[in-house]
N, C-alpha and C. Protein backbone atom coordinates (compact mmCIF):
# COMPACT_ATOMS: atom_id res chain seq x y z
N MET A 1 -72.64 188.36 1.00
CA MET A 1 -73.53 188.67 0.65
C MET A 1 -74.44 189.32 2.00
N PRO A 2 -75.35 190.19 1.85
CA PRO A 2 -76.30 190.20 2.83
C PRO A 2 -77.12 189.39 3.42
N GLU A 3 -77.18 189.37 4.64
CA GLU A 3 -78.25 188.29 5.10
C GLU A 3 -79.58 188.50 5.51
N GLY A 4 -80.77 187.54 5.49
CA GLY A 4 -82.01 188.05 5.66
C GLY A 4 -82.52 188.38 4.14
N LYS A 5 -83.97 189.55 4.40
CA LYS A 5 -84.42 189.96 3.41
C LYS A 5 -83.41 191.23 2.89
N ALA A 6 -82.65 191.33 1.86
CA ALA A 6 -81.82 191.96 1.83
C ALA A 6 -82.61 193.03 0.60
N ASP A 7 -82.56 194.43 0.50
CA ASP A 7 -82.74 194.92 -0.85
C ASP A 7 -81.95 195.20 -1.69
N TYR A 8 -81.97 194.24 -2.49
CA TYR A 8 -80.98 193.94 -3.46
C TYR A 8 -81.05 194.85 -4.91
N LEU A 9 -82.20 195.40 -4.68
CA LEU A 9 -82.55 196.53 -5.48
C LEU A 9 -81.68 197.66 -5.89
N HIS A 10 -81.61 197.84 -4.31
CA HIS A 10 -80.57 199.11 -4.07
C HIS A 10 -79.46 198.58 -3.62
N LEU A 11 -79.04 197.53 -3.54
CA LEU A 11 -77.75 197.19 -2.48
C LEU A 11 -76.69 196.47 -3.84
N VAL A 12 -77.29 196.21 -5.13
CA VAL A 12 -76.06 196.01 -6.24
C VAL A 12 -76.11 196.90 -7.16
N ASP A 13 -75.12 197.01 -7.33
CA ASP A 13 -74.26 197.87 -8.70
C ASP A 13 -74.56 197.27 -9.64
N TYR A 14 -75.53 197.38 -10.35
CA TYR A 14 -76.25 196.39 -11.60
C TYR A 14 -75.22 197.26 -12.70
N PRO A 15 -75.12 198.35 -12.71
CA PRO A 15 -74.23 198.49 -14.01
C PRO A 15 -72.21 197.97 -13.79
N VAL A 16 -71.72 197.70 -12.52
CA VAL A 16 -70.79 196.94 -12.33
C VAL A 16 -71.02 195.73 -12.88
N VAL A 17 -72.23 195.16 -12.53
CA VAL A 17 -72.50 193.62 -13.07
C VAL A 17 -73.01 193.26 -13.84
N MET A 18 -72.96 194.24 -14.99
CA MET A 18 -72.86 194.36 -16.31
C MET A 18 -71.70 194.14 -16.85
N THR A 19 -70.71 194.83 -16.86
CA THR A 19 -69.40 194.77 -17.00
C THR A 19 -68.41 193.21 -17.04
N LYS A 20 -69.39 192.83 -16.10
CA LYS A 20 -68.50 191.06 -15.71
C LYS A 20 -68.97 189.90 -17.15
N ASP A 21 -67.62 189.38 -17.72
CA ASP A 21 -67.23 188.76 -18.72
C ASP A 21 -68.61 187.36 -18.36
N TRP A 22 -68.75 187.28 -17.49
CA TRP A 22 -69.88 186.08 -17.13
C TRP A 22 -71.06 186.48 -17.42
N PHE A 23 -71.35 187.42 -16.95
CA PHE A 23 -72.85 188.29 -17.11
C PHE A 23 -72.77 188.60 -19.17
N LYS A 24 -71.57 189.00 -19.59
CA LYS A 24 -71.57 189.08 -21.19
C LYS A 24 -72.15 188.07 -21.74
N LYS A 25 -71.59 187.18 -21.35
CA LYS A 25 -71.38 185.63 -22.23
C LYS A 25 -72.92 185.34 -21.89
N GLY A 26 -73.78 185.27 -20.71
CA GLY A 26 -74.79 184.64 -20.63
C GLY A 26 -76.12 185.63 -21.38
N LEU A 27 -75.58 186.95 -21.83
CA LEU A 27 -76.71 187.93 -22.29
C LEU A 27 -76.48 187.75 -23.91
N ASN A 28 -75.48 187.48 -24.09
CA ASN A 28 -74.94 187.04 -25.77
C ASN A 28 -75.61 185.77 -25.99
N ARG A 29 -75.74 184.79 -24.88
CA ARG A 29 -76.09 183.69 -25.31
C ARG A 29 -77.59 183.58 -25.07
N LEU A 30 -78.15 184.57 -24.20
CA LEU A 30 -79.75 184.62 -24.46
C LEU A 30 -80.33 185.26 -25.85
N ILE A 31 -79.55 186.65 -26.48
CA ILE A 31 -79.69 187.07 -27.31
C ILE A 31 -79.56 186.13 -28.42
N ASP A 32 -78.54 185.33 -28.54
CA ASP A 32 -78.59 184.35 -29.62
C ASP A 32 -79.51 183.08 -29.67
N ILE A 33 -80.24 183.06 -28.26
CA ILE A 33 -81.59 181.88 -28.57
C ILE A 33 -82.67 182.74 -29.02
N SER A 34 -82.68 184.25 -28.47
CA SER A 34 -83.69 184.63 -28.76
C SER A 34 -84.32 184.81 -30.32
N HIS A 35 -83.44 185.01 -31.11
CA HIS A 35 -83.23 185.15 -32.89
C HIS A 35 -83.67 183.86 -33.06
N LYS A 36 -83.86 182.70 -32.43
CA LYS A 36 -84.28 181.37 -33.07
C LYS A 36 -85.64 181.29 -32.61
N HIS A 37 -85.99 181.55 -31.11
CA HIS A 37 -86.99 181.23 -30.24
C HIS A 37 -87.35 182.53 -29.80
N ARG A 38 -88.95 182.35 -29.49
CA ARG A 38 -89.54 183.41 -28.67
C ARG A 38 -89.37 182.75 -26.91
N ILE A 39 -88.65 184.14 -26.12
CA ILE A 39 -88.00 183.24 -25.15
C ILE A 39 -88.73 183.95 -24.23
N ALA A 40 -88.79 183.46 -23.24
CA ALA A 40 -89.42 184.00 -21.18
C ALA A 40 -88.74 183.81 -20.42
N ILE A 41 -87.90 184.94 -19.55
CA ILE A 41 -87.28 184.97 -18.33
C ILE A 41 -88.08 184.94 -17.22
N MET A 42 -88.43 183.91 -16.73
CA MET A 42 -89.40 184.07 -15.45
C MET A 42 -88.75 184.13 -14.31
N CYS A 43 -89.73 184.82 -13.57
CA CYS A 43 -88.81 185.60 -12.09
C CYS A 43 -90.65 185.57 -11.10
N SER A 44 -90.20 185.63 -10.05
CA SER A 44 -91.27 185.92 -8.87
C SER A 44 -91.88 186.76 -8.54
N GLU A 45 -91.30 187.65 -9.28
CA GLU A 45 -91.76 189.59 -9.06
C GLU A 45 -92.32 189.55 -9.62
N GLU A 46 -93.88 190.02 -8.96
CA GLU A 46 -95.15 190.58 -9.73
C GLU A 46 -94.27 191.95 -9.98
N ASP A 47 -94.18 192.96 -9.84
CA ASP A 47 -94.03 193.76 -9.92
C ASP A 47 -92.81 194.25 -10.78
N PRO A 48 -92.62 194.19 -12.27
CA PRO A 48 -91.02 194.26 -12.65
C PRO A 48 -90.59 196.11 -12.32
N ALA A 49 -90.98 196.85 -11.36
CA ALA A 49 -90.16 198.07 -11.16
C ALA A 49 -89.88 197.37 -9.98
N THR A 50 -89.54 196.71 -9.54
CA THR A 50 -88.93 196.08 -7.93
C THR A 50 -88.05 194.75 -8.20
N CYS A 51 -88.01 194.35 -9.64
CA CYS A 51 -87.54 193.30 -9.75
C CYS A 51 -85.97 193.40 -10.05
N HIS A 52 -85.11 192.78 -9.70
CA HIS A 52 -83.67 193.02 -10.29
C HIS A 52 -83.73 192.73 -11.78
N ARG A 53 -84.39 191.40 -11.98
CA ARG A 53 -83.82 191.18 -13.36
C ARG A 53 -84.42 191.95 -14.51
N HIS A 54 -85.28 192.97 -14.50
CA HIS A 54 -85.56 194.07 -15.05
C HIS A 54 -84.41 195.24 -15.00
N TYR A 55 -83.60 195.10 -13.97
CA TYR A 55 -82.62 196.03 -13.96
C TYR A 55 -81.48 195.77 -14.31
N LEU A 56 -81.04 194.21 -14.24
CA LEU A 56 -80.19 193.58 -14.75
C LEU A 56 -80.30 193.36 -15.96
N ILE A 57 -81.18 192.14 -16.23
CA ILE A 57 -81.03 191.49 -18.05
C ILE A 57 -82.12 192.53 -18.80
N GLY A 58 -83.30 192.52 -18.14
CA GLY A 58 -84.26 193.42 -19.18
C GLY A 58 -83.73 194.94 -19.59
N LYS A 59 -82.36 195.73 -18.96
CA LYS A 59 -82.26 196.88 -19.37
C LYS A 59 -81.03 196.67 -20.44
N ALA A 60 -80.44 195.61 -20.22
CA ALA A 60 -78.92 195.00 -20.54
C ALA A 60 -79.86 194.81 -21.89
N LEU A 61 -80.90 193.95 -22.27
CA LEU A 61 -81.40 193.41 -23.57
C LEU A 61 -82.00 194.63 -23.89
N MET A 62 -82.95 195.74 -23.56
CA MET A 62 -83.22 197.10 -24.32
C MET A 62 -81.80 197.61 -25.07
N ALA A 63 -80.69 197.64 -24.50
CA ALA A 63 -79.67 198.49 -24.73
C ALA A 63 -79.15 197.76 -25.76
N HIS A 64 -79.89 196.70 -26.22
CA HIS A 64 -79.27 196.20 -27.62
C HIS A 64 -80.32 196.07 -28.50
N ASP A 65 -81.64 197.16 -28.12
CA ASP A 65 -82.52 197.21 -28.51
C ASP A 65 -83.44 195.77 -29.09
N ILE A 66 -83.71 195.25 -27.93
CA ILE A 66 -84.09 194.05 -27.80
C ILE A 66 -85.25 194.45 -27.44
N LYS A 67 -87.21 194.43 -27.35
CA LYS A 67 -88.03 195.02 -27.02
C LYS A 67 -88.37 193.78 -25.45
N VAL A 68 -88.85 194.53 -24.67
CA VAL A 68 -88.87 193.84 -23.88
C VAL A 68 -90.35 193.85 -22.66
N VAL A 69 -90.82 192.57 -22.22
CA VAL A 69 -92.32 192.95 -22.22
C VAL A 69 -92.29 192.04 -20.71
N HIS A 70 -93.21 192.36 -19.87
CA HIS A 70 -93.58 192.13 -18.50
C HIS A 70 -94.80 191.75 -18.61
N ILE A 71 -95.09 189.81 -18.35
CA ILE A 71 -96.20 189.68 -17.97
C ILE A 71 -96.92 189.73 -16.22
N ARG A 72 -97.92 190.24 -16.37
CA ARG A 72 -98.08 190.79 -15.13
C ARG A 72 -98.95 189.93 -14.51
N LYS A 73 -99.43 189.67 -13.25
CA LYS A 73 -100.03 188.64 -12.49
C LYS A 73 -101.57 188.54 -13.25
N ASP A 74 -102.37 189.60 -13.57
CA ASP A 74 -103.53 189.70 -14.36
C ASP A 74 -103.71 189.22 -16.09
N GLY A 75 -102.17 189.08 -16.29
CA GLY A 75 -102.03 188.13 -17.65
C GLY A 75 -101.46 189.28 -18.71
N SER A 76 -102.09 190.35 -17.97
CA SER A 76 -102.01 192.27 -19.32
C SER A 76 -100.10 192.18 -19.17
N LEU A 77 -99.69 192.89 -20.33
CA LEU A 77 -98.73 192.83 -20.77
C LEU A 77 -98.24 194.16 -20.87
N GLN A 78 -96.92 194.38 -19.67
CA GLN A 78 -96.17 195.87 -19.66
C GLN A 78 -94.64 196.02 -19.98
N ASN A 79 -94.99 196.92 -21.08
CA ASN A 79 -93.40 197.38 -21.83
C ASN A 79 -92.72 197.98 -21.08
N ALA A 80 -91.40 197.22 -21.12
CA ALA A 80 -90.54 197.72 -20.23
C ALA A 80 -90.07 198.83 -20.14
N LEU A 81 -90.25 199.55 -21.51
CA LEU A 81 -89.90 200.77 -21.73
C LEU A 81 -90.63 201.89 -20.60
N GLY A 82 -92.11 201.72 -19.98
CA GLY A 82 -92.65 202.56 -19.64
C GLY A 82 -92.59 202.48 -17.79
N ILE A 83 -91.86 201.38 -17.58
CA ILE A 83 -91.68 201.30 -16.21
C ILE A 83 -91.16 202.36 -15.22
N ARG A 84 -91.50 202.74 -14.37
CA ARG A 84 -91.23 204.08 -13.29
C ARG A 84 -89.55 203.34 -12.77
N ASP A 85 -88.28 204.27 -12.57
CA ASP A 85 -87.29 203.56 -11.94
C ASP A 85 -87.00 203.62 -11.35
N LEU A 86 -87.44 202.64 -10.32
CA LEU A 86 -87.14 202.38 -8.65
C LEU A 86 -85.65 202.78 -8.36
N LYS A 87 -84.91 202.24 -9.22
CA LYS A 87 -83.40 201.58 -8.78
C LYS A 87 -82.87 203.06 -8.53
N ASN A 88 -83.04 203.94 -9.60
CA ASN A 88 -82.25 205.63 -9.25
C ASN A 88 -83.35 206.59 -8.15
N ASP A 89 -84.37 206.38 -7.55
CA ASP A 89 -84.94 206.62 -6.42
C ASP A 89 -83.88 206.68 -5.33
N PRO A 90 -83.63 207.57 -4.13
CA PRO A 90 -82.58 207.61 -3.41
C PRO A 90 -82.61 206.72 -2.43
N PRO A 91 -80.96 205.56 -3.70
CA PRO A 91 -80.96 204.34 -2.79
C PRO A 91 -80.11 204.17 -1.40
N ALA A 92 -80.13 202.97 -0.92
CA ALA A 92 -79.38 202.71 0.32
C ALA A 92 -78.10 202.94 -0.11
N LYS A 93 -77.06 202.54 0.39
CA LYS A 93 -75.72 202.53 0.33
C LYS A 93 -75.17 201.61 -0.27
N GLN A 94 -74.85 201.81 -1.52
CA GLN A 94 -74.85 200.17 -2.23
C GLN A 94 -73.82 199.49 -1.66
N LEU A 95 -74.21 198.32 -2.19
CA LEU A 95 -72.93 197.50 -1.57
C LEU A 95 -72.15 196.50 -2.95
N ARG A 96 -70.51 196.57 -3.50
CA ARG A 96 -70.51 195.91 -4.38
C ARG A 96 -70.55 194.29 -4.21
N LEU A 97 -70.71 193.97 -4.77
CA LEU A 97 -71.00 192.25 -3.93
C LEU A 97 -69.92 191.54 -5.33
N LEU A 98 -69.62 192.22 -6.22
CA LEU A 98 -68.39 191.30 -6.83
C LEU A 98 -67.32 192.13 -7.04
């Protein structure tokens, strides 16, 4: 694991993480729960464009045709489909953590 304040947005290979059985199991559980309840996945990042949860969980949910909306600091809602993709800006050297 990188030490200190690492740039996980560019260090982690999220498509590889999404192939892991534990990720798929957790995502399927989240999807099952969402069919019964309205859910919120909390994060401390204010801007979803810089949030690893958006690039990992949010994009995986959208790939299952599930609407993802981010609640911003001011209480406004932002559709995940309109977020600028900072993950695909010229990345730092990626580090496979898994």
